[in-house]
Amino acid sequence: MILVTGGAGFIGSHTVRALAEAGQESVLLQRRTADVPAHLAGLPVHAVQADVADLDALLGVGKQHPITGIVHLAMSLPGPERGIDAVDVAARTLQGHLNIARAAQAWGVHRIVTASTIGVYNLALTGALTEDMPLPVGYTHAVPTFKKIFELLDGHLSAVTDVSIVNARISAIWGPGGHLPDPFFPTSVLVNAAAQRSEPDLSTFPAPPQAEDALDLLYVRDAGRALALLQLTEHLRHTTYNVASGHATSNAEVVTALRSVEPSFRAELPSAGDRPRTWLDITRLREDTGFEPRYDTAAAAADYVAWLRAGNTR
């Protein structure tokens, strides 16, 4: 059984589905409930209520279920504006990450796949970003800051314990169950507007999204499958992998794909002219796991719009 923290969430639920397709049972670690969420009903899934920051509760999961692998996707970083001391939050976040490693040791788990982010890179660079590039050390945002800390800790723990901790640097993910609006890129807003045959509301973004703005966009069904492959592939030669499409997709290309699904869709995005493009190189992932994205932009747009029009939200 594979323990998936954050397994009921956006990327986690698609990882659980991919694990099920590979013949694996999953155990969802959830902070608020021990019920299997409705959108995962019918799958070989068990749910337990526990917090990664509570080591005793976490270790108790292994007494209920024979855990053989861990995909660690959950990370909570509430800000001090919610009345929680920022130092306590940082300590709790670090403690939760270390507890996952402690649990892996206690259960005899050989591999943890843990979520890092595209944000660890210097995104002002152009071209392909590879896993062996030096990372910037300046503070930009809490999430990439903690992810870089985790990557350093994971490298140390992998070297001095019997647990291999694999960091998945996950690119910009979109698809069923995603954030609406996503705080970083407008894809989900555009797709939802196309599905509803309405004008997209892009007013929530600090600056108007431009037609040529581009990111490495990976459809969430492909992201879940990539994470499952990193957990299940017998031999991995590296401890860090880009989980991405391997190319940049612009807002204009997303709009074009949506118009092929819904010809009436209109999204007038300002143009900034030619812009440099950055993407994540997925050579390692492809060579070691055989991963290839199954959804190009057009197929992903059609799938996402159909999912929304079937009565689903986000």
C-alpha atoms as a PDB file:
ATOM      1  CA  MET A   1       0.000   0.000   0.000  1.00  0.00           C
ATOM      2  CA  ILE A   2       1.186   3.500  -0.866  1.00  0.00           C
ATOM      3  CA  LEU A   3       0.630   6.254   1.689  1.00  0.00           C
ATOM      4  CA  VAL A   4      -0.307   9.496  -0.083  1.00  0.00           C
ATOM      5  CA  THR A   5      -0.323  12.650   2.001  1.00  0.00           C
ATOM      6  CA  GLY A   6      -2.564  15.225   0.371  1.00  0.00           C
ATOM      7  CA  GLY A   7      -4.111  12.336  -1.524  1.00  0.00           C
ATOM      8  CA  ALA A   8      -7.585  13.863  -1.597  1.00  0.00           C
ATOM      9  CA  GLY A   9      -6.301  17.101  -3.113  1.00  0.00           C
ATOM     10  CA  PHE A  10      -5.752  18.302  -6.641  1.00  0.00           C
ATOM     11  CA  ILE A  11      -2.555  16.517  -7.671  1.00  0.00           C
ATOM     12  CA  GLY A  12      -2.907  13.866  -4.968  1.00  0.00           C
ATOM     13  CA  SER A  13      -6.248  12.523  -6.151  1.00  0.00           C
ATOM     14  CA  HIS A  14      -4.899  12.044  -9.673  1.00  0.00           C
ATOM     15  CA  THR A  15      -1.821  10.331  -8.235  1.00  0.00           C
ATOM     16  CA  VAL A  16      -4.105   7.946  -6.341  1.00  0.00           C
ATOM     17  CA  ARG A  17      -5.999   7.196  -9.559  1.00  0.00           C
ATOM     18  CA  ALA A  18      -2.745   6.507 -11.384  1.00  0.00           C
ATOM     19  CA  LEU A  19      -1.594   4.194  -8.588  1.00  0.00           C
ATOM     20  CA  ALA A  20      -4.918   2.341  -8.788  1.00  0.00           C
ATOM     21  CA  GLU A  21      -4.491   1.918 -12.546  1.00  0.00           C
ATOM     22  CA  ALA A  22      -1.079   0.389 -11.793  1.00  0.00           C
ATOM     23  CA  GLY A  23      -2.713  -2.117  -9.409  1.00  0.00           C
ATOM     24  CA  GLN A  24      -1.767  -0.368  -6.161  1.00  0.00           C
ATOM     25  CA  GLU A  25      -3.883   0.358  -3.103  1.00  0.00           C
ATOM     26  CA  SER A  26      -3.488   3.778  -1.519  1.00  0.00           C
ATOM     27  CA  VAL A  27      -3.901   5.094   1.997  1.00  0.00           C
ATOM     28  CA  LEU A  28      -4.907   8.758   2.190  1.00  0.00           C
ATOM     29  CA  LEU A  29      -3.556  10.713   5.134  1.00  0.00           C
ATOM     30  CA  GLN A  30      -6.093  13.442   5.921  1.00  0.00           C
ATOM     31  CA  ARG A  31      -6.093  16.031   8.682  1.00  0.00           C
ATOM     32  CA  ARG A  32      -9.848  16.481   9.049  1.00  0.00           C
ATOM     33  CA  THR A  33     -11.636  13.217   8.326  1.00  0.00           C
ATOM     34  CA  ALA A  34     -11.155   9.467   8.006  1.00  0.00           C
ATOM     35  CA  ASP A  35     -13.746   9.234   5.241  1.00  0.00           C
ATOM     36  CA  VAL A  36     -12.777   8.435   1.653  1.00  0.00           C
ATOM     37  CA  PRO A  37     -13.777  11.499  -0.396  1.00  0.00           C
ATOM     38  CA  ALA A  38     -16.631  11.047  -2.825  1.00  0.00           C
ATOM     39  CA  HIS A  39     -14.500  11.745  -5.896  1.00  0.00           C
ATOM     40  CA  LEU A  40     -12.302   8.727  -5.058  1.00  0.00           C
ATOM     41  CA  ALA A  41     -15.121   6.340  -4.148  1.00  0.00           C
ATOM     42  CA  GLY A  42     -14.850   2.958  -5.819  1.00  0.00           C
ATOM     43  CA  LEU A  43     -11.071   2.977  -5.983  1.00  0.00           C
ATOM     44  CA  PRO A  44      -8.829   0.736  -3.838  1.00  0.00           C
ATOM     45  CA  VAL A  45      -8.372   3.544  -1.319  1.00  0.00           C
ATOM     46  CA  HIS A  46      -8.349   3.718   2.474  1.00  0.00           C
ATOM     47  CA  ALA A  47      -8.436   6.928   4.490  1.00  0.00           C
ATOM     48  CA  VAL A  48      -6.984   7.727   7.894  1.00  0.00           C
ATOM     49  CA  GLN A  49      -7.184  10.893   9.943  1.00  0.00           C
ATOM     50  CA  ALA A  50      -3.817  12.137  11.153  1.00  0.00           C
ATOM     51  CA  ASP A  51      -1.443  15.080  10.891  1.00  0.00           C
ATOM     52  CA  VAL A  52       2.117  14.610   9.666  1.00  0.00           C
ATOM     53  CA  ALA A  53       3.244  16.879  12.505  1.00  0.00           C
ATOM     54  CA  ASP A  54       1.901  14.333  15.031  1.00  0.00           C
ATOM     55  CA  LEU A  55       4.477  11.549  14.954  1.00  0.00           C
ATOM     56  CA  ASP A  56       2.550   9.128  17.166  1.00  0.00           C
ATOM     57  CA  ALA A  57      -0.579   9.443  15.050  1.00  0.00           C
ATOM     58  CA  LEU A  58       1.480   9.068  11.880  1.00  0.00           C
ATOM     59  CA  LEU A  59       3.229   5.942  13.144  1.00  0.00           C
ATOM     60  CA  GLY A  60      -0.178   4.533  14.063  1.00  0.00           C
ATOM     61  CA  VAL A  61      -1.088   4.459  10.378  1.00  0.00           C
ATOM     62  CA  GLY A  62       1.527   1.765   9.869  1.00  0.00           C
ATOM     63  CA  LYS A  63      -0.174  -0.362  12.522  1.00  0.00           C
ATOM     64  CA  GLN A  64      -3.417  -0.236  10.542  1.00  0.00           C
ATOM     65  CA  HIS A  65      -2.020  -0.683   7.035  1.00  0.00           C
ATOM     66  CA  PRO A  66       1.123  -2.301   5.570  1.00  0.00           C
ATOM     67  CA  ILE A  67       2.734   0.777   4.001  1.00  0.00           C
ATOM     68  CA  THR A  68       5.289  -0.032   1.288  1.00  0.00           C
ATOM     69  CA  GLY A  69       5.846   3.418  -0.227  1.00  0.00           C
ATOM     70  CA  ILE A  70       5.096   7.081   0.426  1.00  0.00           C
ATOM     71  CA  VAL A  71       4.115   9.920  -1.888  1.00  0.00           C
ATOM     72  CA  HIS A  72       4.320  13.065   0.225  1.00  0.00           C
ATOM     73  CA  LEU A  73       2.378  15.965  -1.318  1.00  0.00           C
ATOM     74  CA  ALA A  74       0.923  17.765   1.709  1.00  0.00           C
ATOM     75  CA  MET A  75       2.460  20.975   2.999  1.00  0.00           C
ATOM     76  CA  SER A  76       0.632  23.561   5.074  1.00  0.00           C
ATOM     77  CA  LEU A  77       2.034  27.058   5.467  1.00  0.00           C
ATOM     78  CA  PRO A  78      -0.623  29.323   7.011  1.00  0.00           C
ATOM     79  CA  GLY A  79       0.630  32.858   7.390  1.00  0.00           C
ATOM     80  CA  PRO A  80       0.951  34.883  10.591  1.00  0.00           C
ATOM     81  CA  GLU A  81      -2.015  36.981   9.456  1.00  0.00           C
ATOM     82  CA  ARG A  82      -4.206  34.112  10.652  1.00  0.00           C
ATOM     83  CA  GLY A  83      -3.033  34.638  14.209  1.00  0.00           C
ATOM     84  CA  ILE A  84      -0.431  31.864  14.129  1.00  0.00           C
ATOM     85  CA  ASP A  85       3.179  32.574  15.036  1.00  0.00           C
ATOM     86  CA  ALA A  86       5.368  32.320  11.936  1.00  0.00           C
ATOM     87  CA  VAL A  87       8.209  30.588  13.795  1.00  0.00           C
ATOM     88  CA  ASP A  88       5.829  27.946  15.133  1.00  0.00           C
ATOM     89  CA  VAL A  89       4.479  27.407  11.622  1.00  0.00           C
ATOM     90  CA  ALA A  90       7.993  26.947  10.225  1.00  0.00           C
ATOM     91  CA  ALA A  91       8.877  24.492  12.992  1.00  0.00           C
ATOM     92  CA  ARG A  92       5.676  22.514  12.443  1.00  0.00           C
ATOM     93  CA  THR A  93       6.273  22.381   8.674  1.00  0.00           C
ATOM     94  CA  LEU A  94       9.838  21.114   9.107  1.00  0.00           C
ATOM     95  CA  GLN A  95       8.754  18.655  11.790  1.00  0.00           C
ATOM     96  CA  GLY A  96       6.070  17.195   9.531  1.00  0.00           C
ATOM     97  CA  HIS A  97       8.579  16.611   6.754  1.00  0.00           C
ATOM     98  CA  LEU A  98      11.030  14.915   9.108  1.00  0.00           C
ATOM     99  CA  ASN A  99       8.234  12.791  10.569  1.00  0.00           C
ATOM    100  CA  ILE A 100       7.557  11.323   7.131  1.00  0.00           C
ATOM    101  CA  ALA A 101      11.188  10.186   7.039  1.00  0.00           C
ATOM    102  CA  ARG A 102      10.883   8.785  10.575  1.00  0.00           C
ATOM    103  CA  ALA A 103       7.770   6.844   9.598  1.00  0.00           C
ATOM    104  CA  ALA A 104       9.484   5.467   6.499  1.00  0.00           C
ATOM    105  CA  GLN A 105      12.317   4.143   8.658  1.00  0.00           C
ATOM    106  CA  ALA A 106       9.906   2.605  11.160  1.00  0.00           C
ATOM    107  CA  TRP A 107       7.897   0.866   8.430  1.00  0.00           C
ATOM    108  CA  GLY A 108      10.852  -0.283   6.341  1.00  0.00           C
ATOM    109  CA  VAL A 109       9.786   1.865   3.400  1.00  0.00           C
ATOM    110  CA  HIS A 110      12.549   2.182   0.836  1.00  0.00           C
ATOM    111  CA  ARG A 111      11.315   5.207  -1.152  1.00  0.00           C
ATOM    112  CA  ILE A 112       9.554   8.485  -0.482  1.00  0.00           C
ATOM    113  CA  VAL A 113       8.529  10.626  -3.441  1.00  0.00           C
ATOM    114  CA  THR A 114       8.066  14.180  -2.213  1.00  0.00           C
ATOM    115  CA  ALA A 115       6.710  17.216  -4.023  1.00  0.00           C
ATOM    116  CA  SER A 116       9.069  20.043  -4.841  1.00  0.00           C
ATOM    117  CA  THR A 117       8.168  22.824  -7.256  1.00  0.00           C
ATOM    118  CA  ILE A 118       9.122  24.590 -10.468  1.00  0.00           C
ATOM    119  CA  GLY A 119       9.504  27.638  -8.208  1.00  0.00           C
ATOM    120  CA  VAL A 120      12.882  26.466  -6.923  1.00  0.00           C
ATOM    121  CA  TYR A 121      14.397  27.431 -10.295  1.00  0.00           C
ATOM    122  CA  ASN A 122      15.424  30.869 -11.480  1.00  0.00           C
ATOM    123  CA  LEU A 123      12.478  31.384 -13.807  1.00  0.00           C
ATOM    124  CA  ALA A 124      14.084  34.471 -15.294  1.00  0.00           C
ATOM    125  CA  LEU A 125      16.347  32.119 -17.256  1.00  0.00           C
ATOM    126  CA  THR A 126      15.369  30.989 -20.744  1.00  0.00           C
ATOM    127  CA  GLY A 127      15.366  27.608 -22.400  1.00  0.00           C
ATOM    128  CA  ALA A 128      15.403  24.221 -20.703  1.00  0.00           C
ATOM    129  CA  LEU A 129      15.864  24.007 -16.940  1.00  0.00           C
ATOM    130  CA  THR A 130      17.674  20.853 -15.858  1.00  0.00           C
ATOM    131  CA  GLU A 131      17.852  19.213 -12.448  1.00  0.00           C
ATOM    132  CA  ASP A 132      21.606  19.775 -12.074  1.00  0.00           C
ATOM    133  CA  MET A 133      21.415  23.577 -12.481  1.00  0.00           C
ATOM    134  CA  PRO A 134      22.426  25.715  -9.458  1.00  0.00           C
ATOM    135  CA  LEU A 135      19.363  27.020  -7.628  1.00  0.00           C
ATOM    136  CA  PRO A 136      18.960  30.622  -6.441  1.00  0.00           C
ATOM    137  CA  VAL A 137      19.214  31.053  -2.678  1.00  0.00           C
ATOM    138  CA  GLY A 138      17.361  34.348  -2.281  1.00  0.00           C
ATOM    139  CA  TYR A 139      13.917  34.467  -0.664  1.00  0.00           C
ATOM    140  CA  THR A 140      11.002  34.952  -3.063  1.00  0.00           C
ATOM    141  CA  HIS A 141       8.047  33.037  -1.562  1.00  0.00           C
ATOM    142  CA  ALA A 142       7.523  30.654   1.348  1.00  0.00           C
ATOM    143  CA  VAL A 143       6.738  27.612  -0.790  1.00  0.00           C
ATOM    144  CA  PRO A 144       9.917  27.471  -2.948  1.00  0.00           C
ATOM    145  CA  THR A 145      11.961  28.484   0.099  1.00  0.00           C
ATOM    146  CA  PHE A 146      10.771  25.499   2.131  1.00  0.00           C
ATOM    147  CA  LYS A 147      10.998  23.199  -0.884  1.00  0.00           C
ATOM    148  CA  LYS A 148      14.681  24.054  -1.309  1.00  0.00           C
ATOM    149  CA  ILE A 149      15.266  23.425   2.391  1.00  0.00           C
ATOM    150  CA  PHE A 150      13.503  20.072   2.068  1.00  0.00           C
ATOM    151  CA  GLU A 151      15.600  19.114  -0.948  1.00  0.00           C
ATOM    152  CA  LEU A 152      18.803  19.707   1.027  1.00  0.00           C
ATOM    153  CA  LEU A 153      17.484  17.738   4.004  1.00  0.00           C
ATOM    154  CA  ASP A 154      16.332  14.935   1.727  1.00  0.00           C
ATOM    155  CA  GLY A 155      19.735  14.682   0.098  1.00  0.00           C
ATOM    156  CA  HIS A 156      21.347  14.326   3.500  1.00  0.00           C
ATOM    157  CA  LEU A 157      18.814  11.785   4.773  1.00  0.00           C
ATOM    158  CA  SER A 158      19.065   9.722   1.586  1.00  0.00           C
ATOM    159  CA  ALA A 159      22.833   9.562   2.083  1.00  0.00           C
ATOM    160  CA  VAL A 160      22.787   8.504   5.729  1.00  0.00           C
ATOM    161  CA  THR A 161      19.674   6.288   6.007  1.00  0.00           C
ATOM    162  CA  ASP A 162      18.177   3.352   4.131  1.00  0.00           C
ATOM    163  CA  VAL A 163      15.372   5.560   2.794  1.00  0.00           C
ATOM    164  CA  SER A 164      15.663   7.039  -0.687  1.00  0.00           C
ATOM    165  CA  ILE A 165      13.874  10.399  -0.884  1.00  0.00           C
ATOM    166  CA  VAL A 166      13.062  11.441  -4.444  1.00  0.00           C
ATOM    167  CA  ASN A 167      12.250  15.084  -5.109  1.00  0.00           C
ATOM    168  CA  ALA A 168       9.718  15.751  -7.858  1.00  0.00           C
ATOM    169  CA  ARG A 169      10.023  19.308  -9.148  1.00  0.00           C
ATOM    170  CA  ILE A 170       6.478  19.754 -10.345  1.00  0.00           C
ATOM    171  CA  SER A 171       5.706  22.283 -13.066  1.00  0.00           C
ATOM    172  CA  ALA A 172       2.534  24.377 -13.507  1.00  0.00           C
ATOM    173  CA  ILE A 173      -0.347  21.892 -13.218  1.00  0.00           C
ATOM    174  CA  TRP A 174      -3.853  22.348 -14.608  1.00  0.00           C
ATOM    175  CA  GLY A 175      -6.929  20.201 -15.018  1.00  0.00           C
ATOM    176  CA  PRO A 176      -9.901  18.730 -13.125  1.00  0.00           C
ATOM    177  CA  GLY A 177     -10.016  19.750  -9.474  1.00  0.00           C
ATOM    178  CA  GLY A 178      -7.559  22.616  -9.882  1.00  0.00           C
ATOM    179  CA  HIS A 179      -7.456  25.998  -8.219  1.00  0.00           C
ATOM    180  CA  LEU A 180      -9.943  28.620  -9.400  1.00  0.00           C
ATOM    181  CA  PRO A 181      -8.518  31.078  -9.874  1.00  0.00           C
ATOM    182  CA  ASP A 182      -4.973  29.823  -9.740  1.00  0.00           C
ATOM    183  CA  PRO A 183      -2.868  32.562  -8.123  1.00  0.00           C
ATOM    184  CA  PHE A 184       0.026  32.109 -10.553  1.00  0.00           C
ATOM    185  CA  PHE A 185      -1.371  31.573 -14.062  1.00  0.00           C
ATOM    186  CA  PRO A 186      -4.767  32.054 -15.792  1.00  0.00           C
ATOM    187  CA  THR A 187      -5.309  28.662 -17.411  1.00  0.00           C
ATOM    188  CA  SER A 188      -8.075  27.482 -15.058  1.00  0.00           C
ATOM    189  CA  VAL A 189      -9.963  30.780 -15.447  1.00  0.00           C
ATOM    190  CA  LEU A 190      -9.774  30.504 -19.228  1.00  0.00           C
ATOM    191  CA  VAL A 191     -10.972  26.886 -19.249  1.00  0.00           C
ATOM    192  CA  ASN A 192     -13.870  27.531 -16.903  1.00  0.00           C
ATOM    193  CA  ALA A 193     -15.002  30.511 -18.981  1.00  0.00           C
ATOM    194  CA  ALA A 194     -14.885  28.421 -22.160  1.00  0.00           C
ATOM    195  CA  ALA A 195     -16.889  25.642 -20.510  1.00  0.00           C
ATOM    196  CA  GLN A 196     -19.516  28.164 -19.373  1.00  0.00           C
ATOM    197  CA  ARG A 197     -19.462  30.069 -22.675  1.00  0.00           C
ATOM    198  CA  SER A 198     -18.675  33.274 -20.812  1.00  0.00           C
ATOM    199  CA  GLU A 199     -16.027  35.977 -20.705  1.00  0.00           C
ATOM    200  CA  PRO A 200     -13.036  35.122 -18.502  1.00  0.00           C
ATOM    201  CA  ASP A 201     -12.603  37.309 -15.421  1.00  0.00           C
ATOM    202  CA  LEU A 202      -8.888  38.010 -15.212  1.00  0.00           C
ATOM    203  CA  SER A 203      -9.211  40.853 -12.724  1.00  0.00           C
ATOM    204  CA  THR A 204      -7.835  38.783  -9.828  1.00  0.00           C
ATOM    205  CA  PHE A 205      -4.306  38.798 -11.265  1.00  0.00           C
ATOM    206  CA  PRO A 206      -1.849  41.497 -10.129  1.00  0.00           C
ATOM    207  CA  ALA A 207      -1.029  42.295 -13.767  1.00  0.00           C
ATOM    208  CA  PRO A 208      -3.127  41.482 -16.848  1.00  0.00           C
ATOM    209  CA  PRO A 209      -2.053  38.107 -18.294  1.00  0.00           C
ATOM    210  CA  GLN A 210      -0.522  38.561 -21.707  1.00  0.00           C
ATOM    211  CA  ALA A 211      -0.973  36.408 -24.768  1.00  0.00           C
ATOM    212  CA  GLU A 212       2.702  35.469 -24.954  1.00  0.00           C
ATOM    213  CA  ASP A 213       3.157  34.630 -21.260  1.00  0.00           C
ATOM    214  CA  ALA A 214       4.268  31.002 -21.215  1.00  0.00           C
ATOM    215  CA  LEU A 215       4.902  28.290 -18.648  1.00  0.00           C
ATOM    216  CA  ASP A 216       5.613  24.593 -18.676  1.00  0.00           C
ATOM    217  CA  LEU A 217       2.003  23.431 -18.278  1.00  0.00           C
ATOM    218  CA  LEU A 218       1.418  19.770 -17.429  1.00  0.00           C
ATOM    219  CA  TYR A 219      -2.084  18.313 -17.373  1.00  0.00           C
ATOM    220  CA  VAL A 220      -2.891  16.936 -13.946  1.00  0.00           C
ATOM    221  CA  ARG A 221      -3.727  13.428 -15.171  1.00  0.00           C
ATOM    222  CA  ASP A 222      -0.194  13.234 -16.587  1.00  0.00           C
ATOM    223  CA  ALA A 223       1.258  14.683 -13.376  1.00  0.00           C
ATOM    224  CA  GLY A 224      -0.419  11.999 -11.271  1.00  0.00           C
ATOM    225  CA  ARG A 225       0.890   9.281 -13.568  1.00  0.00           C
ATOM    226  CA  ALA A 226       4.434  10.676 -13.427  1.00  0.00           C
ATOM    227  CA  LEU A 227       4.412  10.676  -9.617  1.00  0.00           C
ATOM    228  CA  ALA A 228       3.070   7.119  -9.566  1.00  0.00           C
ATOM    229  CA  LEU A 229       5.866   6.052 -11.920  1.00  0.00           C
ATOM    230  CA  LEU A 230       8.481   7.661  -9.670  1.00  0.00           C
ATOM    231  CA  GLN A 231       7.107   5.667  -6.755  1.00  0.00           C
ATOM    232  CA  LEU A 232       6.726   2.332  -8.572  1.00  0.00           C
ATOM    233  CA  THR A 233       9.684   2.212 -10.986  1.00  0.00           C
ATOM    234  CA  GLU A 234      12.088  -0.332  -9.534  1.00  0.00           C
ATOM    235  CA  HIS A 235      15.377   1.450 -10.204  1.00  0.00           C
ATOM    236  CA  LEU A 236      15.874   5.221 -10.303  1.00  0.00           C
ATOM    237  CA  ARG A 237      19.289   6.673 -11.064  1.00  0.00           C
ATOM    238  CA  HIS A 238      18.650  10.098  -9.563  1.00  0.00           C
ATOM    239  CA  THR A 239      17.058  11.702  -6.521  1.00  0.00           C
ATOM    240  CA  THR A 240      15.619  14.746  -8.315  1.00  0.00           C
ATOM    241  CA  TYR A 241      13.268  14.707 -11.309  1.00  0.00           C
ATOM    242  CA  ASN A 242      11.405  17.379 -13.213  1.00  0.00           C
ATOM    243  CA  VAL A 243       7.726  16.462 -13.504  1.00  0.00           C
ATOM    244  CA  ALA A 244       6.582  18.504 -16.455  1.00  0.00           C
ATOM    245  CA  SER A 245       5.544  18.475 -20.118  1.00  0.00           C
ATOM    246  CA  GLY A 246       9.010  19.365 -21.356  1.00  0.00           C
ATOM    247  CA  HIS A 247       7.900  22.452 -23.294  1.00  0.00           C
ATOM    248  CA  ALA A 248       6.408  25.904 -22.680  1.00  0.00           C
ATOM    249  CA  THR A 249       2.774  26.684 -23.497  1.00  0.00           C
ATOM    250  CA  SER A 250       1.581  30.263 -23.889  1.00  0.00           C
ATOM    251  CA  ASN A 251      -1.754  31.749 -22.883  1.00  0.00           C
ATOM    252  CA  ALA A 252      -2.469  32.295 -26.581  1.00  0.00           C
ATOM    253  CA  GLU A 253      -1.937  28.591 -27.277  1.00  0.00           C
ATOM    254  CA  VAL A 254      -4.349  27.696 -24.465  1.00  0.00           C
ATOM    255  CA  VAL A 255      -6.952  30.057 -25.938  1.00  0.00           C
ATOM    256  CA  THR A 256      -6.485  28.508 -29.393  1.00  0.00           C
ATOM    257  CA  ALA A 257      -6.983  25.019 -27.941  1.00  0.00           C
ATOM    258  CA  LEU A 258     -10.135  26.147 -26.126  1.00  0.00           C
ATOM    259  CA  ARG A 259     -11.559  27.690 -29.292  1.00  0.00           C
ATOM    260  CA  SER A 260     -11.196  24.335 -31.008  1.00  0.00           C
ATOM    261  CA  VAL A 261     -13.495  22.945 -28.299  1.00  0.00           C
ATOM    262  CA  GLU A 262     -15.801  25.967 -27.988  1.00  0.00           C
ATOM    263  CA  PRO A 263     -15.655  28.127 -31.152  1.00  0.00           C
ATOM    264  CA  SER A 264     -17.597  30.953 -29.496  1.00  0.00           C
ATOM    265  CA  PHE A 265     -14.970  31.421 -26.794  1.00  0.00           C
ATOM    266  CA  ARG A 266     -13.236  34.786 -26.775  1.00  0.00           C
ATOM    267  CA  ALA A 267     -10.425  35.973 -24.548  1.00  0.00           C
ATOM    268  CA  GLU A 268      -8.786  39.203 -25.575  1.00  0.00           C
ATOM    269  CA  LEU A 269      -5.349  39.116 -23.985  1.00  0.00           C
ATOM    270  CA  PRO A 270      -2.931  42.014 -24.471  1.00  0.00           C
ATOM    271  CA  SER A 271       0.127  41.256 -26.568  1.00  0.00           C
ATOM    272  CA  ALA A 272       3.649  41.942 -25.405  1.00  0.00           C
ATOM    273  CA  GLY A 273       5.355  40.704 -28.543  1.00  0.00           C
ATOM    274  CA  ASP A 274       7.848  37.876 -28.621  1.00  0.00           C
ATOM    275  CA  ARG A 275       8.809  36.679 -25.152  1.00  0.00           C
ATOM    276  CA  PRO A 276      11.590  34.276 -24.082  1.00  0.00           C
ATOM    277  CA  ARG A 277      10.387  30.823 -23.047  1.00  0.00           C
ATOM    278  CA  THR A 278      11.423  28.600 -20.175  1.00  0.00           C
ATOM    279  CA  TRP A 279      10.525  24.949 -19.608  1.00  0.00           C
ATOM    280  CA  LEU A 280      11.607  21.960 -17.532  1.00  0.00           C
ATOM    281  CA  ASP A 281      13.721  19.308 -19.206  1.00  0.00           C
ATOM    282  CA  ILE A 282      12.200  15.851 -18.598  1.00  0.00           C
ATOM    283  CA  THR A 283      14.986  13.702 -20.031  1.00  0.00           C
ATOM    284  CA  ARG A 284      15.671  12.061 -16.650  1.00  0.00           C
ATOM    285  CA  LEU A 285      12.018  11.275 -16.058  1.00  0.00           C
ATOM    286  CA  ARG A 286      11.571   9.908 -19.563  1.00  0.00           C
ATOM    287  CA  GLU A 287      14.700   7.742 -19.501  1.00  0.00           C
ATOM    288  CA  ASP A 288      14.247   6.309 -16.005  1.00  0.00           C
ATOM    289  CA  THR A 289      10.470   5.754 -15.907  1.00  0.00           C
ATOM    290  CA  GLY A 290       9.356   5.755 -19.540  1.00  0.00           C
ATOM    291  CA  PHE A 291       7.055   8.722 -18.884  1.00  0.00           C
ATOM    292  CA  GLU A 292       5.605  10.590 -21.830  1.00  0.00           C
ATOM    293  CA  PRO A 293       2.747  13.095 -21.504  1.00  0.00           C
ATOM    294  CA  ARG A 294      -0.472  11.682 -22.958  1.00  0.00           C
ATOM    295  CA  TYR A 295      -2.263  15.031 -23.150  1.00  0.00           C
ATOM    296  CA  ASP A 296      -1.136  17.821 -25.425  1.00  0.00           C
ATOM    297  CA  THR A 297      -2.780  21.218 -24.983  1.00  0.00           C
ATOM    298  CA  ALA A 298      -5.682  20.464 -27.336  1.00  0.00           C
ATOM    299  CA  ALA A 299      -6.470  17.072 -25.779  1.00  0.00           C
ATOM    300  CA  ALA A 300      -6.176  18.493 -22.273  1.00  0.00           C
ATOM    301  CA  ALA A 301      -8.478  21.425 -23.075  1.00  0.00           C
ATOM    302  CA  ALA A 302     -11.108  19.100 -24.548  1.00  0.00           C
ATOM    303  CA  ASP A 303     -10.921  16.738 -21.573  1.00  0.00           C
ATOM    304  CA  TYR A 304     -11.107  19.536 -18.987  1.00  0.00           C
ATOM    305  CA  VAL A 305     -14.048  21.298 -20.665  1.00  0.00           C
ATOM    306  CA  ALA A 306     -15.936  17.993 -20.959  1.00  0.00           C
ATOM    307  CA  TRP A 307     -15.297  17.285 -17.271  1.00  0.00           C
ATOM    308  CA  LEU A 308     -16.650  20.694 -16.261  1.00  0.00           C
ATOM    309  CA  ARG A 309     -19.697  20.392 -18.504  1.00  0.00           C
ATOM    310  CA  ALA A 310     -20.477  17.024 -16.922  1.00  0.00           C
ATOM    311  CA  GLY A 311     -21.412  18.957 -13.788  1.00  0.00           C
ATOM    312  CA  ASN A 312     -18.107  19.032 -11.983  1.00  0.00           C
ATOM    313  CA  THR A 313     -16.687  22.194 -10.474  1.00  0.00           C
ATOM    314  CA  ARG A 314     -13.208  23.701 -10.921  1.00  0.00           C
END
